[in-house]
PDB file of N, CA and C in Angstrom:
ATOM      1  N   UNK A   1     -21.251 -13.563   1.277  1.00  0.00           N
ATOM      2  CA  UNK A   1     -19.765 -13.558   0.717  1.00  0.00           C
ATOM      3  C   UNK A   1     -19.318 -14.748   1.004  1.00  0.00           C
ATOM      4  N   UNK A   2     -18.169 -15.671   0.058  1.00  0.00           N
ATOM      5  CA  UNK A   2     -17.602 -17.117   1.426  1.00  0.00           C
ATOM      6  C   UNK A   2     -16.322 -16.294   1.505  1.00  0.00           C
ATOM      7  N   UNK A   3     -15.735 -16.407   2.747  1.00  0.00           N
ATOM      8  CA  UNK A   3     -14.361 -16.250   2.981  1.00  0.00           C
ATOM      9  C   UNK A   3     -13.518 -17.354   2.566  1.00  0.00           C
ATOM     10  N   UNK A   4     -12.307 -16.986   1.880  1.00  0.00           N
ATOM     11  CA  UNK A   4     -11.156 -18.201   1.595  1.00  0.00           C
ATOM     12  C   UNK A   4     -10.774 -18.421   2.582  1.00  0.00           C
ATOM     13  N   UNK A   5     -10.586 -19.984   2.272  1.00  0.00           N
ATOM     14  CA  UNK A   5      -9.330 -20.579   3.091  1.00  0.00           C
ATOM     15  C   UNK A   5      -7.891 -20.790   2.532  1.00  0.00           C
ATOM     16  N   UNK A   6      -6.888 -21.383   3.849  1.00  0.00           N
ATOM     17  CA  UNK A   6      -5.891 -21.694   2.881  1.00  0.00           C
ATOM     18  C   UNK A   6      -5.673 -22.563   2.320  1.00  0.00           C
ATOM     19  N   UNK A   7      -5.042 -21.919   1.193  1.00  0.00           N
ATOM     20  CA  UNK A   7      -4.739 -22.754   0.074  1.00  0.00           C
ATOM     21  C   UNK A   7      -5.156 -22.741  -1.118  1.00  0.00           C
ATOM     22  N   UNK A   8      -6.571 -21.870  -1.112  1.00  0.00           N
ATOM     23  CA  UNK A   8      -7.721 -20.908  -2.186  1.00  0.00           C
ATOM     24  C   UNK A   8      -6.817 -20.304  -2.837  1.00  0.00           C
ATOM     25  N   UNK A   9      -7.406 -20.032  -4.259  1.00  0.00           N
ATOM     26  CA  UNK A   9      -6.974 -19.416  -5.403  1.00  0.00           C
ATOM     27  C   UNK A   9      -7.508 -17.987  -5.575  1.00  0.00           C
ATOM     28  N   UNK A  10      -7.045 -17.114  -5.122  1.00  0.00           N
ATOM     29  CA  UNK A  10      -7.883 -15.833  -4.794  1.00  0.00           C
ATOM     30  C   UNK A  10      -7.825 -14.913  -6.054  1.00  0.00           C
ATOM     31  N   UNK A  11      -8.527 -13.798  -6.958  1.00  0.00           N
ATOM     32  CA  UNK A  11      -7.963 -12.765  -7.985  1.00  0.00           C
ATOM     33  C   UNK A  11      -9.033 -11.721  -7.063  1.00  0.00           C
ATOM     34  N   UNK A  12      -7.352 -10.476  -6.921  1.00  0.00           N
ATOM     35  CA  UNK A  12      -7.982  -9.572  -6.615  1.00  0.00           C
ATOM     36  C   UNK A  12      -7.483  -8.265  -7.210  1.00  0.00           C
ATOM     37  N   UNK A  13      -7.724  -6.610  -7.264  1.00  0.00           N
ATOM     38  CA  UNK A  13      -7.245  -5.842  -8.143  1.00  0.00           C
ATOM     39  C   UNK A  13      -6.394  -6.157  -9.405  1.00  0.00           C
ATOM     40  N   UNK A  14      -7.473  -5.842 -10.198  1.00  0.00           N
ATOM     41  CA  UNK A  14      -7.194  -5.725 -11.771  1.00  0.00           C
ATOM     42  C   UNK A  14      -6.692  -7.181 -12.382  1.00  0.00           C
ATOM     43  N   UNK A  15      -7.047  -8.254 -11.924  1.00  0.00           N
ATOM     44  CA  UNK A  15      -6.577  -9.856 -11.656  1.00  0.00           C
ATOM     45  C   UNK A  15      -5.756 -10.517 -11.391  1.00  0.00           C
ATOM     46  N   UNK A  16      -5.155  -9.407 -10.364  1.00  0.00           N
ATOM     47  CA  UNK A  16      -4.270 -10.219  -9.866  1.00  0.00           C
ATOM     48  C   UNK A  16      -4.411 -11.610  -9.048  1.00  0.00           C
ATOM     49  N   UNK A  17      -3.509 -12.559  -8.783  1.00  0.00           N
ATOM     50  CA  UNK A  17      -4.057 -14.001  -8.806  1.00  0.00           C
ATOM     51  C   UNK A  17      -3.136 -14.534  -7.245  1.00  0.00           C
ATOM     52  N   UNK A  18      -3.567 -14.807  -6.186  1.00  0.00           N
ATOM     53  CA  UNK A  18      -2.357 -15.531  -5.601  1.00  0.00           C
ATOM     54  C   UNK A  18      -3.176 -17.123  -4.460  1.00  0.00           C
ATOM     55  N   UNK A  19      -2.173 -17.426  -3.959  1.00  0.00           N
ATOM     56  CA  UNK A  19      -2.635 -18.429  -3.037  1.00  0.00           C
ATOM     57  C   UNK A  19      -2.371 -17.985  -1.652  1.00  0.00           C
ATOM     58  N   UNK A  20      -4.291 -18.481  -1.130  1.00  0.00           N
ATOM     59  CA  UNK A  20      -4.488 -17.736   0.324  1.00  0.00           C
ATOM     60  C   UNK A  20      -2.643 -18.487   1.251  1.00  0.00           C
ATOM     61  N   UNK A  21      -2.379 -18.154   2.460  1.00  0.00           N
ATOM     62  CA  UNK A  21      -1.627 -18.427   3.432  1.00  0.00           C
ATOM     63  C   UNK A  21      -1.969 -18.350   4.093  1.00  0.00           C
ATOM     64  N   UNK A  22      -2.635 -17.305   4.708  1.00  0.00           N
ATOM     65  CA  UNK A  22      -3.237 -17.304   6.369  1.00  0.00           C
ATOM     66  C   UNK A  22      -4.593 -16.800   6.078  1.00  0.00           C
ATOM     67  N   UNK A  23      -5.562 -16.921   6.782  1.00  0.00           N
ATOM     68  CA  UNK A  23      -6.774 -16.058   7.132  1.00  0.00           C
ATOM     69  C   UNK A  23      -7.256 -15.027   8.257  1.00  0.00           C
ATOM     70  N   UNK A  24      -6.678 -14.266   8.069  1.00  0.00           N
ATOM     71  CA  UNK A  24      -6.997 -13.316   9.662  1.00  0.00           C
ATOM     72  C   UNK A  24      -8.808 -12.769   9.718  1.00  0.00           C
ATOM     73  N   UNK A  25      -8.587 -11.984  10.600  1.00  0.00           N
ATOM     74  CA  UNK A  25     -10.516 -11.282  10.517  1.00  0.00           C
ATOM     75  C   UNK A  25     -10.999 -10.889   9.536  1.00  0.00           C
ATOM     76  N   UNK A  26     -10.489  -9.709   8.889  1.00  0.00           N
ATOM     77  CA  UNK A  26     -10.608  -8.718   8.218  1.00  0.00           C
ATOM     78  C   UNK A  26      -9.943  -8.860   7.012  1.00  0.00           C
ATOM     79  N   UNK A  27      -9.134 -10.214   6.567  1.00  0.00           N
ATOM     80  CA  UNK A  27      -7.694  -9.855   5.505  1.00  0.00           C
ATOM     81  C   UNK A  27      -7.208 -11.503   5.613  1.00  0.00           C
ATOM     82  N   UNK A  28      -6.496 -11.909   4.439  1.00  0.00           N
ATOM     83  CA  UNK A  28      -6.001 -12.916   3.902  1.00  0.00           C
ATOM     84  C   UNK A  28      -4.441 -12.389   3.726  1.00  0.00           C
ATOM     85  N   UNK A  29      -3.601 -12.828   4.050  1.00  0.00           N
ATOM     86  CA  UNK A  29      -2.272 -12.534   3.354  1.00  0.00           C
ATOM     87  C   UNK A  29      -1.881 -13.999   1.908  1.00  0.00           C
ATOM     88  N   UNK A  30      -1.804 -13.172   1.584  1.00  0.00           N
ATOM     89  CA  UNK A  30      -1.532 -13.825  -0.309  1.00  0.00           C
ATOM     90  C   UNK A  30      -0.516 -14.517  -1.061  1.00  0.00           C
ATOM     91  N   UNK A  31       0.320 -15.494  -1.462  1.00  0.00           N
ATOM     92  CA  UNK A  31       1.620 -15.483  -1.966  1.00  0.00           C
ATOM     93  C   UNK A  31       1.029 -15.268  -3.527  1.00  0.00           C
ATOM     94  N   UNK A  32       1.830 -14.462  -3.943  1.00  0.00           N
ATOM     95  CA  UNK A  32       1.554 -13.879  -5.401  1.00  0.00           C
ATOM     96  C   UNK A  32       2.672 -14.551  -6.478  1.00  0.00           C
ATOM     97  N   UNK A  33       3.488 -15.571  -5.703  1.00  0.00           N
ATOM     98  CA  UNK A  33       4.493 -15.917  -6.647  1.00  0.00           C
ATOM     99  C   UNK A  33       3.615 -17.050  -7.782  1.00  0.00           C
ATOM    100  N   UNK A  34       2.205 -17.281  -7.479  1.00  0.00           N
ATOM    101  CA  UNK A  34       1.554 -18.193  -7.510  1.00  0.00           C
ATOM    102  C   UNK A  34       1.323 -17.963  -9.594  1.00  0.00           C
ATOM    103  N   UNK A  35       1.219 -16.359  -9.757  1.00  0.00           N
ATOM    104  CA  UNK A  35       1.475 -16.298 -10.818  1.00  0.00           C
ATOM    105  C   UNK A  35       2.484 -16.223 -11.914  1.00  0.00           C
ATOM    106  N   UNK A  36       2.387 -16.846 -12.994  1.00  0.00           N
ATOM    107  CA  UNK A  36       3.669 -16.824 -14.592  1.00  0.00           C
ATOM    108  C   UNK A  36       4.327 -15.582 -14.197  1.00  0.00           C
ATOM    109  N   UNK A  37       3.746 -15.274 -14.736  1.00  0.00           N
ATOM    110  CA  UNK A  37       4.028 -13.065 -14.704  1.00  0.00           C
ATOM    111  C   UNK A  37       4.564 -12.584 -13.569  1.00  0.00           C
ATOM    112  N   UNK A  38       4.805 -13.499 -12.424  1.00  0.00           N
ATOM    113  CA  UNK A  38       5.131 -12.663 -11.094  1.00  0.00           C
ATOM    114  C   UNK A  38       6.476 -12.100 -11.346  1.00  0.00           C
ATOM    115  N   UNK A  39       7.681 -12.242 -11.607  1.00  0.00           N
ATOM    116  CA  UNK A  39       8.855 -11.748 -11.808  1.00  0.00           C
ATOM    117  C   UNK A  39       8.572 -10.365 -12.713  1.00  0.00           C
ATOM    118  N   UNK A  40       8.035 -10.683 -14.039  1.00  0.00           N
ATOM    119  CA  UNK A  40       8.001  -9.452 -14.659  1.00  0.00           C
ATOM    120  C   UNK A  40       7.027  -8.229 -14.244  1.00  0.00           C
ATOM    121  N   UNK A  41       6.304  -8.713 -13.124  1.00  0.00           N
ATOM    122  CA  UNK A  41       6.019  -7.517 -12.846  1.00  0.00           C
ATOM    123  C   UNK A  41       5.986  -6.785 -11.767  1.00  0.00           C
ATOM    124  N   UNK A  42       7.130  -7.946 -10.746  1.00  0.00           N
ATOM    125  CA  UNK A  42       8.331  -6.490 -10.087  1.00  0.00           C
ATOM    126  C   UNK A  42       7.161  -6.353  -8.817  1.00  0.00           C
ATOM    127  N   UNK A  43       6.282  -7.263  -8.130  1.00  0.00           N
ATOM    128  CA  UNK A  43       5.612  -7.206  -7.061  1.00  0.00           C
ATOM    129  C   UNK A  43       6.527  -7.987  -6.072  1.00  0.00           C
ATOM    130  N   UNK A  44       6.187  -7.452  -4.770  1.00  0.00           N
ATOM    131  CA  UNK A  44       6.300  -8.244  -3.316  1.00  0.00           C
ATOM    132  C   UNK A  44       5.822  -9.747  -3.703  1.00  0.00           C
ATOM    133  N   UNK A  45       6.285 -10.765  -2.872  1.00  0.00           N
ATOM    134  CA  UNK A  45       6.375 -11.816  -2.705  1.00  0.00           C
ATOM    135  C   UNK A  45       4.619 -12.210  -2.506  1.00  0.00           C
ATOM    136  N   UNK A  46       4.305 -11.468  -1.128  1.00  0.00           N
ATOM    137  CA  UNK A  46       2.994 -11.798  -0.053  1.00  0.00           C
ATOM    138  C   UNK A  46       2.343  -9.961   0.136  1.00  0.00           C
ATOM    139  N   UNK A  47       1.316 -10.123  -0.020  1.00  0.00           N
ATOM    140  CA  UNK A  47       0.351  -8.910   0.605  1.00  0.00           C
ATOM    141  C   UNK A  47      -0.871  -9.081   0.996  1.00  0.00           C
ATOM    142  N   UNK A  48      -1.187  -8.564   1.788  1.00  0.00           N
ATOM    143  CA  UNK A  48      -2.644  -8.868   2.264  1.00  0.00           C
ATOM    144  C   UNK A  48      -3.938  -7.906   1.392  1.00  0.00           C
ATOM    145  N   UNK A  49      -4.948  -8.537   1.467  1.00  0.00           N
ATOM    146  CA  UNK A  49      -6.192  -8.297   0.892  1.00  0.00           C
ATOM    147  C   UNK A  49      -7.341  -8.439   1.810  1.00  0.00           C
ATOM    148  N   UNK A  50      -8.140  -7.045   1.922  1.00  0.00           N
ATOM    149  CA  UNK A  50      -9.500  -7.857   2.341  1.00  0.00           C
ATOM    150  C   UNK A  50     -10.679  -8.380   2.167  1.00  0.00           C
ATOM    151  N   UNK A  51     -11.009  -8.813   2.930  1.00  0.00           N
ATOM    152  CA  UNK A  51     -11.948 -10.111   1.805  1.00  0.00           C
ATOM    153  C   UNK A  51     -12.722  -9.269   1.578  1.00  0.00           C
ATOM    154  N   UNK A  52     -13.331  -8.026   1.627  1.00  0.00           N
ATOM    155  CA  UNK A  52     -14.165  -7.437   1.008  1.00  0.00           C
ATOM    156  C   UNK A  52     -13.960  -7.114  -0.966  1.00  0.00           C
ATOM    157  N   UNK A  53     -12.276  -7.467  -0.923  1.00  0.00           N
ATOM    158  CA  UNK A  53     -11.525  -7.143  -2.066  1.00  0.00           C
ATOM    159  C   UNK A  53     -11.362  -8.368  -3.170  1.00  0.00           C
ATOM    160  N   UNK A  54     -11.985  -9.619  -2.621  1.00  0.00           N
ATOM    161  CA  UNK A  54     -11.195 -10.559  -3.696  1.00  0.00           C
ATOM    162  C   UNK A  54     -12.930 -11.246  -3.581  1.00  0.00           C
ATOM    163  N   UNK A  55     -12.424 -12.634  -4.879  1.00  0.00           N
ATOM    164  CA  UNK A  55     -13.129 -13.823  -5.445  1.00  0.00           C
ATOM    165  C   UNK A  55     -12.316 -14.777  -5.672  1.00  0.00           C
ATOM    166  N   UNK A  56     -13.033 -15.461  -5.141  1.00  0.00           N
ATOM    167  CA  UNK A  56     -12.362 -17.198  -4.764  1.00  0.00           C
ATOM    168  C   UNK A  56     -12.525 -17.783  -6.030  1.00  0.00           C
ATOM    169  N   UNK A  57     -11.178 -18.376  -6.666  1.00  0.00           N
ATOM    170  CA  UNK A  57     -11.045 -18.808  -8.193  1.00  0.00           C
ATOM    171  C   UNK A  57     -10.949 -20.021  -8.035  1.00  0.00           C
ATOM    172  N   UNK A  58     -10.344 -20.708  -7.390  1.00  0.00           N
ATOM    173  CA  UNK A  58      -9.735 -22.091  -7.077  1.00  0.00           C
ATOM    174  C   UNK A  58     -10.095 -22.653  -5.558  1.00  0.00           C
ATOM    175  N   UNK A  59     -10.488 -23.835  -4.931  1.00  0.00           N
ATOM    176  CA  UNK A  59     -10.700 -24.193  -3.931  1.00  0.00           C
ATOM    177  C   UNK A  59      -9.335 -25.283  -3.832  1.00  0.00           C
TER     178      UNK A  59
END
């Protein structure tokens, strides 16, 4: 599996999408404000996602 890089758009957990801000050894930090419906979902702006739990949508 290919690891995401900073700036990649990834999809995880039931269709949530975000932009990778930082790549760690076992996870990435993702900015969720990329989604159009971000405010409606009442989520935190950033979250941590393990490399096993996402797929890259756009480079």
